[in-house]
C-alpha atoms as a PDB file:
ATOM      1  CA  MET A   1      -0.379  11.904  25.900  1.00  0.00           C
ATOM      2  CA  THR A   2      -1.518  10.047  22.766  1.00  0.00           C
ATOM      3  CA  GLU A   3      -2.399   6.417  23.419  1.00  0.00           C
ATOM      4  CA  ILE A   4      -0.381   3.951  21.331  1.00  0.00           C
ATOM      5  CA  LEU A   5      -2.597   1.808  19.125  1.00  0.00           C
ATOM      6  CA  ASP A   6      -2.650  -1.796  20.349  1.00  0.00           C
ATOM      7  CA  LEU A   7      -1.732  -4.241  17.569  1.00  0.00           C
ATOM      8  CA  SER A   8      -1.045  -7.228  19.826  1.00  0.00           C
ATOM      9  CA  HIS A   9      -4.096  -9.132  18.551  1.00  0.00           C
ATOM     10  CA  VAL A  10      -2.610  -9.283  15.031  1.00  0.00           C
ATOM     11  CA  ARG A  11      -0.282 -12.277  14.734  1.00  0.00           C
ATOM     12  CA  LEU A  12       1.598 -12.513  11.443  1.00  0.00           C
ATOM     13  CA  GLY A  13       3.301 -15.562  10.034  1.00  0.00           C
ATOM     14  CA  ASP A  14       6.392 -15.847   7.874  1.00  0.00           C
ATOM     15  CA  ARG A  15       4.538 -15.021   4.673  1.00  0.00           C
ATOM     16  CA  PRO A  16       3.247 -12.055   2.623  1.00  0.00           C
ATOM     17  CA  LEU A  17       0.908  -9.502   4.166  1.00  0.00           C
ATOM     18  CA  VAL A  18      -2.275  -8.178   2.505  1.00  0.00           C
ATOM     19  CA  VAL A  19      -3.943  -5.261   4.316  1.00  0.00           C
ATOM     20  CA  CYS A  20      -7.398  -4.076   3.212  1.00  0.00           C
ATOM     21  CA  ASP A  21      -9.436  -1.020   3.985  1.00  0.00           C
ATOM     22  CA  VAL A  22     -13.061  -1.939   4.711  1.00  0.00           C
ATOM     23  CA  ASP A  23     -15.567   0.745   3.660  1.00  0.00           C
ATOM     24  CA  ASP A  24     -16.191   0.616  -0.106  1.00  0.00           C
ATOM     25  CA  VAL A  25     -13.420  -1.996  -0.478  1.00  0.00           C
ATOM     26  CA  VAL A  26     -14.646  -4.961   1.565  1.00  0.00           C
ATOM     27  CA  LEU A  27     -18.094  -3.649   2.547  1.00  0.00           C
ATOM     28  CA  HIS A  28     -20.300  -1.302   0.555  1.00  0.00           C
ATOM     29  CA  PHE A  29     -20.500   2.095   2.249  1.00  0.00           C
ATOM     30  CA  ALA A  30     -21.521   4.909  -0.130  1.00  0.00           C
ATOM     31  CA  ALA A  31     -24.719   3.287  -1.427  1.00  0.00           C
ATOM     32  CA  PRO A  32     -26.094   1.996   1.912  1.00  0.00           C
ATOM     33  CA  PHE A  33     -25.148   5.257   3.638  1.00  0.00           C
ATOM     34  CA  GLN A  34     -27.236   7.158   1.107  1.00  0.00           C
ATOM     35  CA  ASP A  35     -30.157   4.783   1.741  1.00  0.00           C
ATOM     36  CA  PHE A  36     -29.691   5.369   5.469  1.00  0.00           C
ATOM     37  CA  LEU A  37     -29.726   9.150   4.973  1.00  0.00           C
ATOM     38  CA  ARG A  38     -32.975   9.003   2.994  1.00  0.00           C
ATOM     39  CA  GLY A  39     -34.571   7.165   5.892  1.00  0.00           C
ATOM     40  CA  GLU A  40     -33.489  10.045   8.150  1.00  0.00           C
ATOM     41  CA  GLY A  41     -34.991  12.688   5.853  1.00  0.00           C
ATOM     42  CA  HIS A  42     -31.725  13.711   4.214  1.00  0.00           C
ATOM     43  CA  GLU A  43     -29.847  13.125   0.974  1.00  0.00           C
ATOM     44  CA  LEU A  44     -26.256  13.250  -0.206  1.00  0.00           C
ATOM     45  CA  LEU A  45     -25.644  15.474  -3.237  1.00  0.00           C
ATOM     46  CA  PRO A  46     -22.452  14.512  -5.137  1.00  0.00           C
ATOM     47  CA  ARG A  47     -21.153  18.059  -5.596  1.00  0.00           C
ATOM     48  CA  SER A  48     -17.678  17.346  -4.219  1.00  0.00           C
ATOM     49  CA  PHE A  49     -15.929  14.445  -2.529  1.00  0.00           C
ATOM     50  CA  ARG A  50     -16.890  15.301   1.019  1.00  0.00           C
ATOM     51  CA  LEU A  51     -19.847  14.699   3.282  1.00  0.00           C
ATOM     52  CA  THR A  52     -19.939  17.994   5.178  1.00  0.00           C
ATOM     53  CA  GLY A  53     -21.694  20.559   2.998  1.00  0.00           C
ATOM     54  CA  ASN A  54     -23.196  17.932   0.695  1.00  0.00           C
ATOM     55  CA  ILE A  55     -25.682  16.227   3.040  1.00  0.00           C
ATOM     56  CA  VAL A  56     -28.875  18.258   2.847  1.00  0.00           C
ATOM     57  CA  SER A  57     -32.396  18.136   4.239  1.00  0.00           C
ATOM     58  CA  THR A  58     -34.672  16.490   1.676  1.00  0.00           C
ATOM     59  CA  GLU A  59     -37.389  18.979   2.558  1.00  0.00           C
ATOM     60  CA  THR A  60     -35.417  22.245   2.539  1.00  0.00           C
ATOM     61  CA  GLN A  61     -32.271  21.299   0.545  1.00  0.00           C
ATOM     62  CA  ILE A  62     -30.266  23.162   3.202  1.00  0.00           C
ATOM     63  CA  ALA A  63     -26.883  21.648   4.047  1.00  0.00           C
ATOM     64  CA  LEU A  64     -26.590  20.141   7.517  1.00  0.00           C
ATOM     65  CA  GLU A  65     -24.215  21.556  10.100  1.00  0.00           C
ATOM     66  CA  PRO A  66     -20.936  19.638  10.611  1.00  0.00           C
ATOM     67  CA  THR A  67     -22.040  18.401  14.047  1.00  0.00           C
ATOM     68  CA  GLU A  68     -25.200  16.896  12.545  1.00  0.00           C
ATOM     69  CA  VAL A  69     -23.191  15.270   9.727  1.00  0.00           C
ATOM     70  CA  ARG A  70     -20.904  13.700  12.309  1.00  0.00           C
ATOM     71  CA  ARG A  71     -23.908  12.479  14.302  1.00  0.00           C
ATOM     72  CA  LEU A  72     -25.345  10.797  11.201  1.00  0.00           C
ATOM     73  CA  ILE A  73     -22.053   9.119  10.327  1.00  0.00           C
ATOM     74  CA  GLU A  74     -21.773   7.732  13.839  1.00  0.00           C
ATOM     75  CA  ALA A  75     -25.416   6.632  13.806  1.00  0.00           C
ATOM     76  CA  PHE A  76     -24.675   4.733  10.599  1.00  0.00           C
ATOM     77  CA  PHE A  77     -21.658   3.036  12.167  1.00  0.00           C
ATOM     78  CA  GLU A  78     -23.875   2.105  15.112  1.00  0.00           C
ATOM     79  CA  ALA A  79     -26.385   0.509  12.716  1.00  0.00           C
ATOM     80  CA  GLN A  80     -23.897  -0.788  10.119  1.00  0.00           C
ATOM     81  CA  GLU A  81     -24.814  -4.430  10.701  1.00  0.00           C
ATOM     82  CA  ASN A  82     -28.270  -3.705   9.253  1.00  0.00           C
ATOM     83  CA  TRP A  83     -27.011  -1.835   6.188  1.00  0.00           C
ATOM     84  CA  GLN A  84     -23.617  -2.916   4.901  1.00  0.00           C
ATOM     85  CA  ILE A  85     -23.042  -5.935   2.675  1.00  0.00           C
ATOM     86  CA  PRO A  86     -19.840  -7.377   1.183  1.00  0.00           C
ATOM     87  CA  THR A  87     -18.548  -6.223  -2.177  1.00  0.00           C
ATOM     88  CA  ASP A  88     -18.629  -8.688  -5.083  1.00  0.00           C
ATOM     89  CA  LEU A  89     -16.178 -11.609  -4.837  1.00  0.00           C
ATOM     90  CA  VAL A  90     -14.442 -10.266  -1.723  1.00  0.00           C
ATOM     91  CA  VAL A  91     -15.189 -13.262   0.509  1.00  0.00           C
ATOM     92  CA  GLN A  92     -14.012 -15.864  -1.996  1.00  0.00           C
ATOM     93  CA  THR A  93     -10.979 -13.828  -3.048  1.00  0.00           C
ATOM     94  CA  LEU A  94      -9.672 -13.145   0.443  1.00  0.00           C
ATOM     95  CA  GLU A  95     -10.257 -16.752   1.488  1.00  0.00           C
ATOM     96  CA  THR A  96      -8.120 -17.887  -1.455  1.00  0.00           C
ATOM     97  CA  LEU A  97      -5.404 -15.301  -0.849  1.00  0.00           C
ATOM     98  CA  SER A  98      -5.266 -16.232   2.839  1.00  0.00           C
ATOM     99  CA  LYS A  99      -3.914 -19.668   1.911  1.00  0.00           C
ATOM    100  CA  ASP A 100      -0.620 -18.006   0.956  1.00  0.00           C
ATOM    101  CA  ALA A 101      -0.693 -14.655   2.783  1.00  0.00           C
ATOM    102  CA  ASP A 102      -1.795 -13.070   6.036  1.00  0.00           C
ATOM    103  CA  VAL A 103      -4.887 -10.886   5.558  1.00  0.00           C
ATOM    104  CA  VAL A 104      -5.606  -7.970   7.906  1.00  0.00           C
ATOM    105  CA  PHE A 105      -8.343  -5.339   7.823  1.00  0.00           C
ATOM    106  CA  LEU A 106      -7.407  -1.723   8.571  1.00  0.00           C
ATOM    107  CA  THR A 107     -10.608   0.284   8.866  1.00  0.00           C
ATOM    108  CA  ALA A 108     -10.812   4.051   9.350  1.00  0.00           C
ATOM    109  CA  MET A 109     -13.591   4.439  11.888  1.00  0.00           C
ATOM    110  CA  PRO A 110     -14.041   5.436  15.539  1.00  0.00           C
ATOM    111  CA  PRO A 111     -12.681   2.510  17.596  1.00  0.00           C
ATOM    112  CA  ARG A 112     -15.819   2.470  19.772  1.00  0.00           C
ATOM    113  CA  TYR A 113     -17.673   0.850  16.849  1.00  0.00           C
ATOM    114  CA  ARG A 114     -15.059  -1.890  16.481  1.00  0.00           C
ATOM    115  CA  GLU A 115     -17.261  -4.645  17.877  1.00  0.00           C
ATOM    116  CA  HIS A 116     -20.154  -3.747  15.562  1.00  0.00           C
ATOM    117  CA  ARG A 117     -17.869  -4.169  12.558  1.00  0.00           C
ATOM    118  CA  ARG A 118     -16.227  -7.258  13.976  1.00  0.00           C
ATOM    119  CA  ARG A 119     -19.612  -8.972  14.293  1.00  0.00           C
ATOM    120  CA  LEU A 120     -20.567  -7.971  10.756  1.00  0.00           C
ATOM    121  CA  LEU A 121     -17.338  -9.244   9.204  1.00  0.00           C
ATOM    122  CA  ASP A 122     -17.515 -12.482  11.178  1.00  0.00           C
ATOM    123  CA  ARG A 123     -21.120 -13.025  10.100  1.00  0.00           C
ATOM    124  CA  ILE A 124     -20.190 -12.963   6.411  1.00  0.00           C
ATOM    125  CA  GLY A 125     -17.168 -15.209   6.934  1.00  0.00           C
ATOM    126  CA  LEU A 126     -14.397 -12.589   6.971  1.00  0.00           C
ATOM    127  CA  THR A 127     -12.777 -13.541  10.266  1.00  0.00           C
ATOM    128  CA  PHE A 128      -9.353 -12.018   9.580  1.00  0.00           C
ATOM    129  CA  PRO A 129      -7.820  -9.693  12.212  1.00  0.00           C
ATOM    130  CA  MET A 130      -9.097  -6.112  12.153  1.00  0.00           C
ATOM    131  CA  ILE A 131      -7.610  -2.798  13.273  1.00  0.00           C
ATOM    132  CA  ALA A 132     -10.044   0.103  13.760  1.00  0.00           C
ATOM    133  CA  SER A 133      -8.401   3.515  14.005  1.00  0.00           C
ATOM    134  CA  GLU A 134      -8.735   7.101  12.800  1.00  0.00           C
ATOM    135  CA  GLU A 135      -4.944   7.531  12.817  1.00  0.00           C
ATOM    136  CA  PRO A 136      -2.945   7.822   9.552  1.00  0.00           C
ATOM    137  CA  LYS A 137      -2.575   4.430   7.928  1.00  0.00           C
ATOM    138  CA  GLY A 138       1.072   4.692   6.880  1.00  0.00           C
ATOM    139  CA  PRO A 139       2.532   4.544  10.397  1.00  0.00           C
ATOM    140  CA  ILE A 140       0.154   1.714  11.318  1.00  0.00           C
ATOM    141  CA  MET A 141       1.270  -0.295   8.288  1.00  0.00           C
ATOM    142  CA  GLN A 142       4.903   0.382   9.138  1.00  0.00           C
ATOM    143  CA  ARG A 143       4.410  -0.905  12.699  1.00  0.00           C
ATOM    144  CA  LEU A 144       2.462  -3.913  11.479  1.00  0.00           C
ATOM    145  CA  HIS A 145       5.001  -4.988   8.859  1.00  0.00           C
ATOM    146  CA  ALA A 146       7.942  -4.183  11.175  1.00  0.00           C
ATOM    147  CA  GLY A 147      10.590  -4.298   8.449  1.00  0.00           C
ATOM    148  CA  ARG A 148      10.056  -7.956   7.550  1.00  0.00           C
ATOM    149  CA  PRO A 149      11.671  -9.009   4.214  1.00  0.00           C
ATOM    150  CA  LEU A 150       8.342 -10.194   2.815  1.00  0.00           C
ATOM    151  CA  PRO A 151       5.917  -8.843   0.171  1.00  0.00           C
ATOM    152  CA  THR A 152       3.312  -6.377   1.413  1.00  0.00           C
ATOM    153  CA  VAL A 153       0.078  -5.180  -0.207  1.00  0.00           C
ATOM    154  CA  PHE A 154      -2.242  -2.340   0.810  1.00  0.00           C
ATOM    155  CA  ILE A 155      -5.717  -1.766  -0.695  1.00  0.00           C
ATOM    156  CA  ASP A 156      -7.803   1.373  -0.138  1.00  0.00           C
ATOM    157  CA  ASP A 157     -10.326   3.622  -1.891  1.00  0.00           C
ATOM    158  CA  MET A 158      -8.830   6.875  -0.576  1.00  0.00           C
ATOM    159  CA  ALA A 159      -5.808   8.476  -2.229  1.00  0.00           C
ATOM    160  CA  HIS A 160      -4.510  10.049   0.982  1.00  0.00           C
ATOM    161  CA  ASN A 161      -4.381   6.645   2.702  1.00  0.00           C
ATOM    162  CA  LEU A 162      -2.446   5.131  -0.199  1.00  0.00           C
ATOM    163  CA  HIS A 163      -0.037   8.077  -0.169  1.00  0.00           C
ATOM    164  CA  SER A 164       0.423   7.716   3.600  1.00  0.00           C
ATOM    165  CA  VAL A 165       1.381   4.062   3.247  1.00  0.00           C
ATOM    166  CA  ARG A 166       3.761   4.804   0.374  1.00  0.00           C
ATOM    167  CA  GLU A 167       5.610   7.313   2.571  1.00  0.00           C
ATOM    168  CA  HIS A 168       6.245   4.620   5.174  1.00  0.00           C
ATOM    169  CA  LEU A 169       6.583   1.405   3.112  1.00  0.00           C
ATOM    170  CA  ALA A 170       8.285   2.111  -0.189  1.00  0.00           C
ATOM    171  CA  GLU A 171       8.201  -1.497  -1.417  1.00  0.00           C
ATOM    172  CA  CYS A 172       4.500  -2.064  -0.658  1.00  0.00           C
ATOM    173  CA  LEU A 173       2.169  -2.779  -3.573  1.00  0.00           C
ATOM    174  CA  LEU A 174      -0.523  -0.083  -3.430  1.00  0.00           C
ATOM    175  CA  LEU A 175      -3.907  -0.851  -4.984  1.00  0.00           C
ATOM    176  CA  HIS A 176      -6.620   1.744  -5.459  1.00  0.00           C
ATOM    177  CA  MET A 177     -10.069   0.137  -5.386  1.00  0.00           C
ATOM    178  CA  MET A 178     -13.319   2.065  -5.277  1.00  0.00           C
ATOM    179  CA  PRO A 179     -16.921   1.793  -6.488  1.00  0.00           C
ATOM    180  CA  ASP A 180     -18.011   3.653  -9.621  1.00  0.00           C
ATOM    181  CA  SER A 181     -20.361   5.866  -7.627  1.00  0.00           C
ATOM    182  CA  PRO A 182     -21.119   9.507  -8.533  1.00  0.00           C
ATOM    183  CA  LEU A 183     -19.456  10.511  -5.264  1.00  0.00           C
ATOM    184  CA  HIS A 184     -16.254   8.558  -5.893  1.00  0.00           C
ATOM    185  CA  LEU A 185     -15.921  10.015  -9.388  1.00  0.00           C
ATOM    186  CA  LEU A 186     -15.189  13.306  -7.616  1.00  0.00           C
ATOM    187  CA  ALA A 187     -12.509  11.799  -5.369  1.00  0.00           C
ATOM    188  CA  PRO A 188      -8.868  12.925  -5.566  1.00  0.00           C
ATOM    189  CA  LYS A 189      -6.846  10.655  -7.824  1.00  0.00           C
ATOM    190  CA  PRO A 190      -3.882   8.676  -6.468  1.00  0.00           C
ATOM    191  CA  ALA A 191      -0.390   9.627  -7.565  1.00  0.00           C
ATOM    192  CA  GLU A 192       1.584   7.871 -10.301  1.00  0.00           C
ATOM    193  CA  GLY A 193       2.697   4.340  -9.490  1.00  0.00           C
ATOM    194  CA  ILE A 194      -0.477   3.355  -7.656  1.00  0.00           C
ATOM    195  CA  ALA A 195      -2.402   0.696  -9.580  1.00  0.00           C
ATOM    196  CA  ARG A 196      -6.185   0.735  -9.965  1.00  0.00           C
ATOM    197  CA  ALA A 197      -7.860  -2.587  -9.205  1.00  0.00           C
ATOM    198  CA  THR A 198     -11.178  -2.645 -11.053  1.00  0.00           C
ATOM    199  CA  ASP A 199     -12.635  -5.436  -8.917  1.00  0.00           C
ATOM    200  CA  TRP A 200     -11.553  -8.209  -6.567  1.00  0.00           C
ATOM    201  CA  ALA A 201     -10.681 -10.616  -9.374  1.00  0.00           C
ATOM    202  CA  HIS A 202      -8.336  -7.995 -10.827  1.00  0.00           C
ATOM    203  CA  ALA A 203      -6.921  -7.236  -7.361  1.00  0.00           C
ATOM    204  CA  ALA A 204      -6.120 -10.911  -6.814  1.00  0.00           C
ATOM    205  CA  GLU A 205      -4.277 -11.030 -10.141  1.00  0.00           C
ATOM    206  CA  LEU A 206      -2.183  -7.980  -9.245  1.00  0.00           C
ATOM    207  CA  ILE A 207      -1.443  -9.290  -5.757  1.00  0.00           C
ATOM    208  CA  ARG A 208      -0.319 -12.700  -6.978  1.00  0.00           C
ATOM    209  CA  GLY A 209       1.909 -11.081  -9.593  1.00  0.00           C
ATOM    210  CA  HIS A 210       3.528  -8.870  -6.954  1.00  0.00           C
ATOM    211  CA  ILE A 211       4.141 -11.786  -4.598  1.00  0.00           C
ATOM    212  CA  ARG A 212       5.693 -13.855  -7.411  1.00  0.00           C
ATOM    213  CA  ARG A 213       8.022 -11.012  -8.420  1.00  0.00           C
ATOM    214  CA  GLU A 214       9.112 -10.345  -4.848  1.00  0.00           C
ATOM    215  CA  ALA A 215       9.786 -14.052  -4.273  1.00  0.00           C
ATOM    216  CA  ALA A 216      11.869 -14.421  -7.458  1.00  0.00           C
END
C-alpha cells in the first residue's frame, strides 16, 4: 500500500498560495552538481537533458552505469549543505511576497534528505514550509490548495512538473524558471500558456499581476 504524503505541517492562511520548486529555482543545482562530479573524477556532458548516460569518467570518458549515477545524486543530496547556494534575489523576493501570500517549497528529492535541505534553507533565511517528495507534483498541489477560492502560483524548472500541476489546478499561474545552463538548453519546453520567468524580479512581477487579476 502506498503511504499517503503527510502535509499536516503546512498551515495555510486565507490568502494566495505560492509554491516553488527548489533545485535550480530557489537553490542552484546544475552548476554545483557539476563541481561535485569533478571532485569525484567524473563530468557531466550536456548531450541531452538527462543525467544517466551523460555522466562520464573524466579519465575514460565512459558513461557511468545507472546505479552509479543514482549513488552520485544521493551523495550530492547528502552533501548539499556544502554545495548549494541560493539563486539571485530569491531570499528578498520570497520574503516580500510572503507578506501577502503563503509560500511553500515543493522539492523533488528522496524524503530521507529532507532534514539536510531544511537546515540549508533555514540557514539562508528561507524558513517557509517544505514538502520533499518524488511523487507527481500535480496531485500534491491539488491536495495542498484543497479547492480554496484563492489565487495559486506554481514555479518549476521542469516542464513535466508544470504540466502535472496544470492537469490538477486549471486556474493556477504556472511559471517556468530555469538557469541558462548548457544542460537546461536541452530541456523539454513547456506547453503553450506557461509563462517563462527570466529571474526572480520578473517572477514577482508576474505573480503580483496574477494575484491582482484574481482579486478583481
